[in-house]
């Protein structure tokens, strides 16, 4: 992909991609909250993206937005750069996993495709990012994931932590302190139906951890 788009456009397309990963269309309110901008600004930008030639977004009033194939290709390129940069910052420069996201957000727009591919070569062609999420391939295809949301597990079930969708530094630090990182084996001990809290234990850790629904909805496991 050689077409150049503004940082703002790339941020919008990446955000819409992430918000629509579960098959739902992205509402303007969701986009506004994610990007920390006014809903009116989102509507204006989405309409502009839908009017591009070719359109980058399919926008339907009151039904939200979804990416066109052209918009998705740009979003996947940005995500590829972002997740490669996070790994590079961590593995080569020694950043902790809670500090890479903001830095990668700034750098993802600046690097060339050649630079991104050199990073991939240096890192050994990784297929998963630092937080476990898949890295789009060179052909801009997203690897298939066989995972379930931690929120859906119940007492007696277990799984291997695969990825964390939320990249909030405070949350990542909290999870790391309790051994909740990709590759950790998780055992579900109890579930509270009134507040949707999960009581769990991480293999090798002595203390029980209690996580609320807003957190467990952001964690994905494999081999449950």
Protein backbone atom coordinates (compact mmCIF):
# COMPACT_ATOMS: atom_id res chain seq x y z
CA UNK A 1 0.00 0.00 0.00
CA UNK A 2 1.53 3.28 -1.09
CA UNK A 3 -1.41 5.65 -0.68
CA UNK A 4 -0.75 8.25 2.01
CA UNK A 5 -3.47 9.29 4.41
CA UNK A 6 -3.42 11.72 7.30
CA UNK A 7 -2.75 10.50 10.82
CA UNK A 8 -6.33 11.41 11.73
CA UNK A 9 -7.81 9.33 8.93
CA UNK A 10 -5.64 6.36 9.89
CA UNK A 11 -6.68 6.71 13.53
CA UNK A 12 -10.36 6.69 12.56
CA UNK A 13 -10.00 3.64 10.33
CA UNK A 14 -8.02 1.71 12.95
CA UNK A 15 -10.59 2.61 15.61
CA UNK A 16 -13.53 1.53 13.47
CA UNK A 17 -11.77 -1.75 12.69
CA UNK A 18 -11.24 -2.50 16.38
CA UNK A 19 -14.82 -1.54 17.28
CA UNK A 20 -16.27 -3.76 14.54
CA UNK A 21 -14.15 -6.86 15.18
CA UNK A 22 -17.15 -8.64 16.67
CA UNK A 23 -19.26 -8.06 13.57
CA UNK A 24 -21.22 -5.07 14.88
CA UNK A 25 -21.20 -1.66 13.22
CA UNK A 26 -19.45 1.15 15.11
CA UNK A 27 -21.67 3.91 16.48
CA UNK A 28 -20.53 7.53 16.36
CA UNK A 29 -20.69 7.67 20.16
CA UNK A 30 -18.37 4.69 20.47
CA UNK A 31 -15.89 6.20 18.03
CA UNK A 32 -16.05 9.57 19.80
CA UNK A 33 -15.35 7.96 23.18
CA UNK A 34 -12.46 5.90 21.84
CA UNK A 35 -10.82 8.85 20.10
CA UNK A 36 -11.80 11.40 22.77
CA UNK A 37 -13.43 13.79 20.31
CA UNK A 38 -16.89 15.33 20.00
CA UNK A 39 -19.62 13.16 18.39
CA UNK A 40 -20.31 15.95 15.85
CA UNK A 41 -16.68 15.79 14.71
CA UNK A 42 -17.00 12.02 14.28
CA UNK A 43 -20.10 12.36 12.12
CA UNK A 44 -18.35 14.91 9.91
CA UNK A 45 -15.26 12.73 9.48
CA UNK A 46 -17.25 9.55 8.83
CA UNK A 47 -19.25 11.30 6.13
CA UNK A 48 -16.00 12.50 4.54
CA UNK A 49 -14.54 8.99 4.60
CA UNK A 50 -17.73 7.60 3.07
CA UNK A 51 -17.47 10.19 0.27
CA UNK A 52 -13.89 9.26 -0.68
CA UNK A 53 -13.25 7.66 -4.06
CA UNK A 54 -13.19 4.78 -3.40
CA UNK A 55 -15.17 5.04 -0.14
CA UNK A 56 -13.21 4.02 2.97
CA UNK A 57 -16.27 3.68 5.20
CA UNK A 58 -19.84 2.48 4.74
CA UNK A 59 -21.90 4.91 6.84
CA UNK A 60 -25.62 4.61 7.51
CA UNK A 61 -27.30 7.25 9.63
CA UNK A 62 -28.48 5.82 12.96
CA UNK A 63 -26.83 2.50 12.08
CA UNK A 64 -23.18 3.40 12.49
CA UNK A 65 -20.16 2.73 10.33
CA UNK A 66 -18.23 -0.22 8.93
CA UNK A 67 -15.09 -0.30 6.83
CA UNK A 68 -15.08 -0.94 3.11
CA UNK A 69 -12.38 -3.32 1.80
CA UNK A 70 -10.23 -0.27 0.97
CA UNK A 71 -10.66 1.18 4.45
CA UNK A 72 -9.96 -2.16 6.07
CA UNK A 73 -6.69 -2.56 4.17
CA UNK A 74 -5.46 0.79 5.51
CA UNK A 75 -6.56 -0.10 9.06
CA UNK A 76 -4.76 -3.45 8.89
CA UNK A 77 -1.56 -1.79 7.68
CA UNK A 78 -1.68 0.64 10.62
CA UNK A 79 -2.39 -2.22 13.05
CA UNK A 80 0.50 -4.23 11.61
CA UNK A 81 2.88 -1.32 12.16
CA UNK A 82 1.47 -0.66 15.64
CA UNK A 83 1.84 -4.23 16.91
CA UNK A 84 5.28 -4.69 15.35
CA UNK A 85 6.42 -1.45 16.97
CA UNK A 86 5.10 -2.55 20.37
CA UNK A 87 7.14 -5.75 20.14
CA UNK A 88 10.21 -3.86 18.93
CA UNK A 89 9.97 -1.36 21.79
CA UNK A 90 9.64 -4.18 24.31
CA UNK A 91 12.10 -6.76 22.99
CA UNK A 92 14.80 -4.50 21.56
CA UNK A 93 14.52 -1.28 23.58
CA UNK A 94 13.34 -2.76 26.88
CA UNK A 95 10.01 -0.96 27.28
CA UNK A 96 7.62 -2.58 29.77
CA UNK A 97 4.38 -3.94 28.27
CA UNK A 98 2.30 -1.13 29.82
CA UNK A 99 4.37 1.64 28.19
CA UNK A 100 4.54 0.56 24.54
CA UNK A 101 1.02 1.46 23.38
CA UNK A 102 1.25 5.26 23.52
CA UNK A 103 4.71 5.23 21.92
CA UNK A 104 3.55 2.93 19.12
CA UNK A 105 0.50 5.16 18.58
CA UNK A 106 2.83 8.03 17.75
CA UNK A 107 5.26 6.04 15.61
CA UNK A 108 2.79 3.93 13.60
CA UNK A 109 2.03 6.84 11.25
CA UNK A 110 5.66 7.78 10.67
CA UNK A 111 7.37 4.58 9.59
CA UNK A 112 7.52 3.39 6.00
CA UNK A 113 6.42 -0.05 4.86
CA UNK A 114 10.07 -0.93 4.30
CA UNK A 115 10.94 0.06 7.87
CA UNK A 116 8.01 -1.99 9.16
CA UNK A 117 9.18 -5.06 7.26
CA UNK A 118 12.72 -4.65 8.58
CA UNK A 119 11.29 -4.66 12.11
CA UNK A 120 9.37 -7.84 11.28
CA UNK A 121 12.56 -9.50 9.99
CA UNK A 122 14.58 -8.49 13.05
CA UNK A 123 11.87 -9.87 15.35
CA UNK A 124 11.65 -13.18 13.47
CA UNK A 125 8.38 -12.57 11.60
CA UNK A 126 6.09 -12.60 14.68
CA UNK A 127 2.39 -13.40 14.26
CA UNK A 128 1.24 -12.15 17.66
CA UNK A 129 1.79 -8.81 19.34
CA UNK A 130 3.09 -8.07 22.82
CA UNK A 131 -0.41 -8.17 24.32
CA UNK A 132 -1.26 -11.37 22.45
CA UNK A 133 -3.35 -9.87 19.64
CA UNK A 134 -2.63 -11.15 16.12
CA UNK A 135 -0.41 -9.16 13.77
CA UNK A 136 -1.83 -8.77 10.25
CA UNK A 137 0.31 -10.51 7.66
CA UNK A 138 2.32 -8.79 4.93
CA UNK A 139 -0.65 -9.49 2.68
CA UNK A 140 -2.84 -7.61 5.20
CA UNK A 141 -4.75 -10.69 6.28
CA UNK A 142 -5.66 -11.13 9.94
CA UNK A 143 -4.72 -14.57 11.35
CA UNK A 144 -7.69 -16.62 12.54
CA UNK A 145 -7.98 -16.89 16.31
CA UNK A 146 -9.55 -19.80 18.16
CA UNK A 147 -10.27 -18.02 21.43
CA UNK A 148 -13.11 -17.35 23.85
CA UNK A 149 -13.70 -14.38 26.10
CA UNK A 150 -12.67 -14.90 29.73
CA UNK A 151 -16.03 -13.38 30.69
CA UNK A 152 -17.77 -16.51 29.33
CA UNK A 153 -15.86 -19.05 31.45
CA UNK A 154 -17.41 -20.53 34.59
CA UNK A 155 -16.19 -22.42 37.70
CA UNK A 156 -14.35 -25.63 36.85
CA UNK A 157 -13.20 -24.34 33.46
CA UNK A 158 -9.71 -23.21 32.57
CA UNK A 159 -7.81 -21.66 29.70
CA UNK A 160 -4.49 -20.30 28.50
CA UNK A 161 -4.45 -16.52 28.41
CA UNK A 162 -4.14 -15.46 24.78
CA UNK A 163 -4.55 -11.70 24.59
CA UNK A 164 -5.71 -8.48 26.20
CA UNK A 165 -7.74 -6.14 24.03
CA UNK A 166 -7.60 -3.14 26.41
CA UNK A 167 -4.20 -1.42 26.40
CA UNK A 168 -4.78 0.89 29.37
CA UNK A 169 -1.39 1.12 31.17
CA UNK A 170 -2.92 0.87 34.64
CA UNK A 171 -4.84 -2.27 33.75
CA UNK A 172 -1.81 -3.87 32.12
CA UNK A 173 0.30 -3.20 35.20
CA UNK A 174 -2.41 -4.69 37.42
CA UNK A 175 -2.67 -7.83 35.28
CA UNK A 176 1.11 -8.28 35.18
CA UNK A 177 1.32 -7.98 38.97
CA UNK A 178 -1.04 -10.96 39.23
CA UNK A 179 0.68 -13.04 36.56
CA UNK A 180 -2.11 -12.45 34.05
CA UNK A 181 -0.12 -12.25 30.84
CA UNK A 182 -0.31 -14.17 27.53
CA UNK A 183 0.64 -17.81 28.12
CA UNK A 184 -0.56 -17.95 31.73
CA UNK A 185 -2.92 -20.81 32.66
CA UNK A 186 -6.09 -19.59 34.34
CA UNK A 187 -8.45 -21.63 36.52
CA UNK A 188 -11.95 -20.34 37.24
CA UNK A 189 -12.84 -20.82 40.91
CA UNK A 190 -16.12 -18.97 41.33
CA UNK A 191 -18.58 -16.67 39.57
CA UNK A 192 -20.84 -14.03 41.14
CA UNK A 193 -24.05 -13.72 39.07
CA UNK A 194 -25.09 -10.47 40.77
CA UNK A 195 -22.02 -8.46 39.82
CA UNK A 196 -20.54 -10.76 37.11
CA UNK A 197 -17.23 -11.01 38.97
CA UNK A 198 -14.97 -13.95 38.19
CA UNK A 199 -12.82 -15.46 40.93
CA UNK A 200 -9.77 -17.10 39.39
CA UNK A 201 -6.30 -18.38 40.06
CA UNK A 202 -3.24 -18.21 37.85
CA UNK A 203 -1.02 -21.28 37.73
CA UNK A 204 2.06 -20.64 39.87
CA UNK A 205 0.37 -17.84 41.82
CA UNK A 206 -0.89 -18.37 45.37
CA UNK A 207 -3.50 -15.61 45.64
CA UNK A 208 -6.99 -15.70 44.17
CA UNK A 209 -7.79 -12.82 41.81
CA UNK A 210 -11.24 -11.28 41.42
CA UNK A 211 -11.96 -9.49 38.13
CA UNK A 212 -15.05 -7.53 37.18
CA UNK A 213 -16.94 -7.82 33.90
CA UNK A 214 -15.35 -4.71 32.38
CA UNK A 215 -11.95 -6.42 32.67
CA UNK A 216 -12.86 -10.03 31.84
CA UNK A 217 -14.58 -8.81 28.66
CA UNK A 218 -11.17 -7.57 27.43
CA UNK A 219 -9.26 -10.81 28.05
CA UNK A 220 -9.28 -13.77 25.65
CA UNK A 221 -8.18 -17.34 26.33
CA UNK A 222 -7.52 -20.44 24.25
CA UNK A 223 -7.88 -24.16 24.95
CA UNK A 224 -10.65 -23.66 27.54
